[in-house]
Amino acid sequence: MHTFRAMNTDFVTHGLPEAEQREAESWFAFVEKHLTRFDPGSELSRLNRSAGRPFMATPILFEAVSVAVDYYHRADGLFNPFLGQLLSDLGYGRSFREKAEEEEVSSQAPDRTEAIARLLGAFGPEIGAKLNPLHRSIELPPAWSVDLGGIAKGWSAEKFAGMMRRKGIAHGAVSAGGDMMLWGGEDRPQQVNIADPFVLDRDIESLVIRRNAGVATSSRLKRKWLDREGQERHHILDPRTMIPSLTDVAQATVIHPSLTAAEVYAKCLLILGLQAGTAWLESKHPAAAAVFVCEDGSVCTAGFIEAYRQENGKEAG
């Protein structure tokens, strides 16, 4: 096991030789340099400052934004990577590590009424951002701002796992802030525990992963703060209302062959709530399974969760 810090979170690799451990550190530092919105000098920040005119992107930024746009459509708009400025206005303009060093989070946050009204009418089946693969250019509408925080860690971890498999490393795992991409479990199943968001050091579920799979958890309890009016906010915005979501689900974990998909869909389930989220996942994303922790502490499941529980001797829920 090898642990290091990148992208404002803790990364852990399992089953990698020392050279590949160093490669992991280098890769995720490279991703952070290009894709974070918390560094004014990052390539993503430069893209956001260029809104209204074409921006010539590097391959990694162009691919990441393209994947984010693809998941905007796959998730029926419930995942929206173009709300960076609104998140900043709500008080999430710095990483939570930086926030911890300051008592007051957003006392100077601007009035958001006009911005929210404008954004509510900006998104539909077609989005206004223009991506040109031939020239690798991205043009954002004026005042738009990309936030890849809801997809970059999972996407980059999934890409890294693919890099390792192509190098002949048949079995391993990488954790990006607790979201995991596991591979090679056919002959060596791997166990993943899901933590209780309400009780420290308690697990509510134990899964056995026997195939290449991503496991991602999203919670409204982790990244929260008080805005200038003293209202509690969190980082999961409902794109249908442009305000932090509030449903009966406190935490959602998704298991999917793709960690990118798992990370995105976990956030969608928080936004939809238990009943609508279960119906959405099972009808539109049958390759996924989910574990919900509701506000009352109850645990529910959706999708083909039985495939990940049988070895534990549990019945499906």
Protein backbone atom coordinates (compact mmCIF):
# COMPACT_ATOMS: atom_id res chain seq x y z
CA MET A 1 0.00 0.00 0.00
CA HIS A 2 1.27 3.47 -0.91
CA THR A 3 -0.34 6.72 0.30
CA PHE A 4 0.16 10.26 -0.98
CA ARG A 5 -1.76 13.51 -1.33
CA ALA A 6 -2.97 15.12 -4.55
CA MET A 7 -6.01 17.04 -5.80
CA ASN A 8 -6.82 18.10 -2.22
CA THR A 9 -7.43 14.53 -1.09
CA ASP A 10 -5.63 11.36 -0.05
CA PHE A 11 -4.70 8.77 -2.67
CA VAL A 12 -3.85 5.15 -1.91
CA THR A 13 -2.54 2.54 -4.32
CA HIS A 14 -2.58 -1.21 -3.68
CA GLY A 15 -0.52 -3.90 -5.36
CA LEU A 16 1.86 -1.65 -7.32
CA PRO A 17 5.65 -1.96 -7.58
CA GLU A 18 7.70 0.99 -6.35
CA ALA A 19 8.24 2.45 -9.83
CA GLU A 20 4.50 2.47 -10.50
CA GLN A 21 3.88 4.07 -7.11
CA ARG A 22 6.07 6.97 -8.21
CA GLU A 23 4.24 7.01 -11.53
CA ALA A 24 0.95 7.34 -9.65
CA GLU A 25 2.20 10.39 -7.75
CA SER A 26 3.45 11.97 -10.96
CA TRP A 27 0.23 11.26 -12.85
CA PHE A 28 -2.15 12.71 -10.28
CA ALA A 29 0.07 15.77 -9.75
CA PHE A 30 -0.08 16.29 -13.51
CA VAL A 31 -3.87 15.97 -13.47
CA GLU A 32 -4.17 18.46 -10.60
CA LYS A 33 -1.92 20.96 -12.36
CA HIS A 34 -4.27 21.02 -15.33
CA LEU A 35 -7.75 20.35 -13.93
CA THR A 36 -8.14 22.06 -10.54
CA ARG A 37 -10.22 25.23 -10.30
CA PHE A 38 -8.64 26.16 -6.96
CA ASP A 39 -5.29 27.18 -8.50
CA PRO A 40 -5.47 30.45 -10.50
CA GLY A 41 -2.53 29.22 -12.57
CA SER A 42 -4.06 25.89 -13.60
CA GLU A 43 -5.08 25.30 -17.18
CA LEU A 44 -8.72 24.95 -16.14
CA SER A 45 -8.60 28.35 -14.44
CA ARG A 46 -7.16 29.87 -17.60
CA LEU A 47 -9.98 28.28 -19.60
CA ASN A 48 -12.56 29.78 -17.25
CA ARG A 49 -11.00 33.23 -17.57
CA SER A 50 -11.22 32.93 -21.36
CA ALA A 51 -15.00 32.40 -21.39
CA GLY A 52 -16.49 34.04 -24.45
CA ARG A 53 -13.62 33.20 -26.79
CA PRO A 54 -11.93 30.00 -28.05
CA PHE A 55 -9.30 28.44 -25.80
CA MET A 56 -6.66 26.08 -27.20
CA ALA A 57 -6.55 23.21 -24.71
CA THR A 58 -3.95 20.57 -23.97
CA PRO A 59 -5.00 16.96 -24.66
CA ILE A 60 -5.77 16.21 -21.00
CA LEU A 61 -8.02 19.23 -20.48
CA PHE A 62 -9.84 18.71 -23.76
CA GLU A 63 -10.46 15.05 -22.97
CA ALA A 64 -11.60 15.78 -19.42
CA VAL A 65 -14.07 18.48 -20.51
CA SER A 66 -15.31 16.25 -23.35
CA VAL A 67 -15.94 13.40 -20.91
CA ALA A 68 -17.72 15.79 -18.54
CA VAL A 69 -19.99 16.98 -21.35
CA ASP A 70 -20.72 13.36 -22.27
CA TYR A 71 -21.77 12.61 -18.70
CA TYR A 72 -23.94 15.73 -18.63
CA HIS A 73 -26.00 13.98 -21.31
CA ARG A 74 -25.78 10.48 -19.81
CA ALA A 75 -26.99 11.83 -16.48
CA ASP A 76 -29.90 13.77 -18.02
CA GLY A 77 -28.41 17.07 -16.88
CA LEU A 78 -28.30 16.01 -13.21
CA PHE A 79 -24.52 16.25 -13.47
CA ASN A 80 -23.53 19.71 -14.70
CA PRO A 81 -19.82 20.64 -14.93
CA PHE A 82 -20.53 24.27 -15.81
CA LEU A 83 -21.53 25.57 -12.38
CA GLY A 84 -18.09 26.55 -11.11
CA GLN A 85 -18.89 30.22 -10.65
CA LEU A 86 -22.12 29.48 -8.82
CA LEU A 87 -20.26 27.17 -6.44
CA SER A 88 -17.78 29.97 -5.80
CA ASP A 89 -20.62 32.41 -5.16
CA LEU A 90 -22.14 29.96 -2.69
CA GLY A 91 -18.86 29.94 -0.76
CA TYR A 92 -16.99 27.04 -2.35
CA GLY A 93 -14.33 29.06 -4.12
CA ARG A 94 -11.40 27.47 -2.29
CA SER A 95 -10.49 23.91 -1.42
CA PHE A 96 -11.73 22.67 1.94
CA ARG A 97 -8.16 22.49 3.18
CA GLU A 98 -7.91 26.25 2.60
CA LYS A 99 -11.35 26.80 4.08
CA ALA A 100 -10.30 25.12 7.32
CA GLU A 101 -7.71 27.84 7.79
CA GLU A 102 -10.32 30.60 7.67
CA GLU A 103 -13.21 31.17 10.04
CA GLU A 104 -15.43 33.11 7.67
CA VAL A 105 -16.25 31.39 4.42
CA SER A 106 -18.28 33.67 2.21
CA SER A 107 -19.08 36.97 3.91
CA GLN A 108 -18.54 38.83 0.64
CA ALA A 109 -20.49 36.42 -1.57
CA PRO A 110 -22.47 38.32 -4.22
CA ASP A 111 -26.21 38.18 -4.59
CA ARG A 112 -27.04 35.01 -6.53
CA THR A 113 -30.64 35.61 -7.59
CA GLU A 114 -29.85 36.96 -11.05
CA ALA A 115 -27.11 34.39 -11.69
CA ILE A 116 -29.38 31.49 -10.73
CA ALA A 117 -32.20 32.77 -12.93
CA ARG A 118 -29.80 33.09 -15.86
CA LEU A 119 -28.37 29.60 -15.36
CA LEU A 120 -31.78 27.95 -15.05
CA GLY A 121 -32.51 28.91 -18.64
CA ALA A 122 -29.08 28.09 -20.00
CA PHE A 123 -29.12 24.30 -20.05
CA GLY A 124 -31.11 21.79 -22.04
CA PRO A 125 -30.52 18.94 -24.50
CA GLU A 126 -27.86 21.10 -26.16
CA ILE A 127 -25.33 23.09 -24.16
CA GLY A 128 -23.71 26.34 -25.19
CA ALA A 129 -20.10 25.23 -24.80
CA LYS A 130 -18.37 24.59 -28.12
CA LEU A 131 -15.75 21.83 -28.35
CA ASN A 132 -13.74 21.49 -31.55
CA PRO A 133 -11.82 18.17 -31.65
CA LEU A 134 -9.95 19.13 -34.83
CA HIS A 135 -8.33 22.19 -33.26
CA ARG A 136 -8.72 20.96 -29.67
CA SER A 137 -10.41 24.22 -28.76
CA ILE A 138 -13.05 24.93 -26.11
CA GLU A 139 -15.28 28.00 -26.14
CA LEU A 140 -17.39 28.68 -23.07
CA PRO A 141 -20.29 31.13 -23.17
CA PRO A 142 -19.54 34.40 -21.32
CA ALA A 143 -19.65 34.03 -17.51
CA TRP A 144 -19.63 30.23 -17.66
CA SER A 145 -17.10 28.42 -15.48
CA VAL A 146 -16.12 24.74 -15.60
CA ASP A 147 -15.83 22.74 -12.37
CA LEU A 148 -14.44 19.22 -12.82
CA GLY A 149 -14.53 18.42 -9.12
CA GLY A 150 -17.41 16.00 -9.61
CA ILE A 151 -15.61 13.85 -12.15
CA ALA A 152 -11.85 14.49 -12.34
CA LYS A 153 -10.72 12.23 -9.50
CA GLY A 154 -12.72 9.23 -10.67
CA TRP A 155 -11.86 9.77 -14.32
CA SER A 156 -8.14 10.16 -13.67
CA ALA A 157 -8.07 7.13 -11.35
CA GLU A 158 -9.83 5.04 -13.98
CA LYS A 159 -7.32 6.19 -16.61
CA PHE A 160 -4.45 5.33 -14.29
CA ALA A 161 -5.84 1.83 -13.71
CA GLY A 162 -5.97 1.36 -17.48
CA MET A 163 -2.35 2.47 -17.74
CA MET A 164 -1.35 -0.11 -15.15
CA ARG A 165 -3.23 -2.93 -16.87
CA ARG A 166 -1.53 -2.10 -20.17
CA LYS A 167 1.81 -2.36 -18.37
CA GLY A 168 0.94 -5.90 -17.35
CA ILE A 169 -0.09 -5.27 -13.74
CA ALA A 170 -3.00 -7.66 -13.63
CA HIS A 171 -4.30 -6.96 -10.13
CA GLY A 172 -4.49 -3.77 -8.08
CA ALA A 173 -6.51 -0.83 -6.85
CA VAL A 174 -6.30 2.92 -6.57
CA SER A 175 -8.34 5.00 -4.13
CA ALA A 176 -8.98 8.68 -4.84
CA GLY A 177 -10.32 10.17 -1.63
CA GLY A 178 -12.16 6.93 -0.90
CA ASP A 179 -13.51 6.37 -4.41
CA MET A 180 -11.86 3.23 -5.73
CA MET A 181 -11.01 1.66 -9.07
CA LEU A 182 -10.25 -2.03 -8.68
CA TRP A 183 -9.02 -4.43 -11.33
CA GLY A 184 -8.09 -8.10 -11.58
CA GLY A 185 -10.63 -9.35 -9.05
CA GLU A 186 -11.68 -12.39 -11.06
CA ASP A 187 -9.11 -14.64 -9.38
CA ARG A 188 -8.44 -12.47 -6.31
CA PRO A 189 -11.68 -10.84 -5.06
CA GLN A 190 -11.23 -7.58 -3.19
CA GLN A 191 -13.32 -6.36 -0.25
CA VAL A 192 -14.62 -2.81 -0.02
CA ASN A 193 -16.34 -1.46 3.09
CA ILE A 194 -18.88 1.36 2.98
CA ALA A 195 -18.67 3.68 5.98
CA ASP A 196 -21.61 4.87 8.02
CA PRO A 197 -21.81 8.67 7.51
CA PHE A 198 -23.39 9.15 10.93
CA VAL A 199 -21.27 6.86 13.14
CA LEU A 200 -17.48 7.14 13.15
CA ASP A 201 -15.53 3.90 12.49
CA ARG A 202 -18.67 1.92 11.66
CA ASP A 203 -19.38 0.23 8.32
CA ILE A 204 -22.88 -0.26 6.97
CA GLU A 205 -21.99 -2.63 4.14
CA SER A 206 -19.14 -4.87 3.01
CA LEU A 207 -18.84 -5.63 -0.71
CA VAL A 208 -16.78 -8.22 -2.54
CA ILE A 209 -15.49 -7.06 -5.93
CA ARG A 210 -14.74 -9.89 -8.35
CA ARG A 211 -14.33 -7.91 -11.55
CA ASN A 212 -12.94 -4.61 -12.79
CA ALA A 213 -15.15 -2.07 -11.05
CA GLY A 214 -15.37 1.41 -9.67
CA VAL A 215 -16.89 2.17 -6.27
CA ALA A 216 -17.74 5.80 -5.51
CA THR A 217 -19.50 7.43 -2.58
CA SER A 218 -21.08 10.87 -2.48
CA SER A 219 -22.36 12.53 0.67
CA ARG A 220 -23.89 15.88 1.48
CA LEU A 221 -22.34 15.67 4.97
CA LYS A 222 -18.65 15.99 4.08
CA ARG A 223 -18.25 19.30 2.25
CA LYS A 224 -20.55 21.81 3.89
CA TRP A 225 -20.26 25.36 5.17
CA LEU A 226 -22.29 28.39 6.27
CA ASP A 227 -22.99 31.10 3.70
CA ARG A 228 -23.12 34.83 4.42
CA GLU A 229 -26.74 34.54 5.68
CA GLY A 230 -25.73 31.76 8.06
CA GLN A 231 -27.45 29.07 6.00
CA GLU A 232 -25.80 25.66 5.73
CA ARG A 233 -24.66 24.84 2.20
CA HIS A 234 -23.03 21.81 0.62
CA HIS A 235 -21.31 21.15 -2.69
CA ILE A 236 -23.94 18.97 -4.40
CA LEU A 237 -26.00 21.44 -6.44
CA ASP A 238 -29.28 20.38 -8.00
CA PRO A 239 -29.01 21.72 -11.58
CA ARG A 240 -32.81 21.86 -11.77
CA THR A 241 -32.94 24.51 -9.04
CA MET A 242 -29.30 25.70 -8.85
CA ILE A 243 -29.30 25.36 -5.07
CA PRO A 244 -27.79 22.61 -2.86
CA SER A 245 -29.90 19.47 -3.06
CA LEU A 246 -32.02 18.39 -0.12
CA THR A 247 -33.56 14.92 -0.27
CA ASP A 248 -34.05 11.91 1.99
CA VAL A 249 -30.62 10.52 1.00
CA ALA A 250 -27.56 11.53 3.05
CA GLN A 251 -25.06 9.29 1.26
CA ALA A 252 -25.06 7.23 -1.93
CA THR A 253 -22.50 4.66 -3.06
CA VAL A 254 -22.49 3.37 -6.63
CA ILE A 255 -20.70 0.32 -8.02
CA HIS A 256 -20.16 0.33 -11.80
CA PRO A 257 -17.63 -1.07 -14.29
CA SER A 258 -16.50 2.55 -14.77
CA LEU A 259 -15.35 4.63 -11.79
CA THR A 260 -16.13 7.77 -13.78
CA ALA A 261 -19.74 6.65 -14.10
CA ALA A 262 -19.90 5.59 -10.46
CA GLU A 263 -18.69 9.00 -9.27
CA VAL A 264 -21.18 10.89 -11.42
CA TYR A 265 -24.17 8.66 -10.72
CA ALA A 266 -23.59 8.71 -6.95
CA LYS A 267 -24.08 12.49 -7.04
CA CYS A 268 -27.19 12.09 -9.17
CA LEU A 269 -28.73 9.76 -6.59
CA LEU A 270 -28.20 12.33 -3.84
CA ILE A 271 -30.03 14.86 -5.98
CA LEU A 272 -32.92 12.57 -6.91
CA GLY A 273 -33.57 10.97 -3.53
CA LEU A 274 -34.30 7.33 -2.75
CA GLN A 275 -37.44 6.58 -4.74
CA ALA A 276 -36.68 8.59 -7.87
CA GLY A 277 -32.99 7.69 -7.70
CA THR A 278 -33.70 3.97 -7.55
CA ALA A 279 -36.06 4.16 -10.53
CA TRP A 280 -33.60 6.28 -12.53
CA LEU A 281 -30.61 4.03 -11.86
CA GLU A 282 -32.40 0.75 -12.54
CA SER A 283 -34.10 1.93 -15.73
CA LYS A 284 -31.30 3.96 -17.31
CA HIS A 285 -28.09 2.49 -15.89
CA PRO A 286 -28.66 -1.23 -15.35
CA ALA A 287 -24.92 -1.95 -15.11
CA ALA A 288 -24.85 -0.06 -11.80
CA ALA A 289 -25.70 -1.03 -8.24
CA ALA A 290 -26.16 1.34 -5.32
CA VAL A 291 -26.23 1.52 -1.54
CA PHE A 292 -28.18 4.42 0.00
CA VAL A 293 -27.93 5.74 3.54
CA CYS A 294 -31.04 7.80 4.23
CA GLU A 295 -31.41 10.75 6.58
CA ASP A 296 -33.06 8.52 9.18
CA GLY A 297 -30.07 6.17 9.13
CA SER A 298 -31.79 3.39 7.21
CA VAL A 299 -29.86 1.55 4.49
CA CYS A 300 -31.40 0.64 1.12
CA THR A 301 -30.01 -0.83 -2.08
CA ALA A 302 -30.74 -0.63 -5.79
CA GLY A 303 -29.63 -2.42 -8.93
CA PHE A 304 -27.73 -5.68 -9.10
CA ILE A 305 -26.24 -5.43 -5.62
CA GLU A 306 -26.52 -9.21 -5.14
CA ALA A 307 -23.48 -9.72 -7.35
CA TYR A 308 -21.35 -7.93 -4.77
CA ARG A 309 -22.80 -9.49 -1.61
CA GLN A 310 -23.05 -13.23 -2.20
CA GLU A 311 -19.64 -14.15 -0.81
CA ASN A 312 -20.53 -12.48 2.47
CA GLY A 313 -23.47 -14.83 2.93
CA LYS A 314 -25.94 -11.95 2.92
CA GLU A 315 -29.25 -11.84 1.18
CA ALA A 316 -29.94 -9.04 -1.22
CA GLY A 317 -31.76 -6.07 0.17
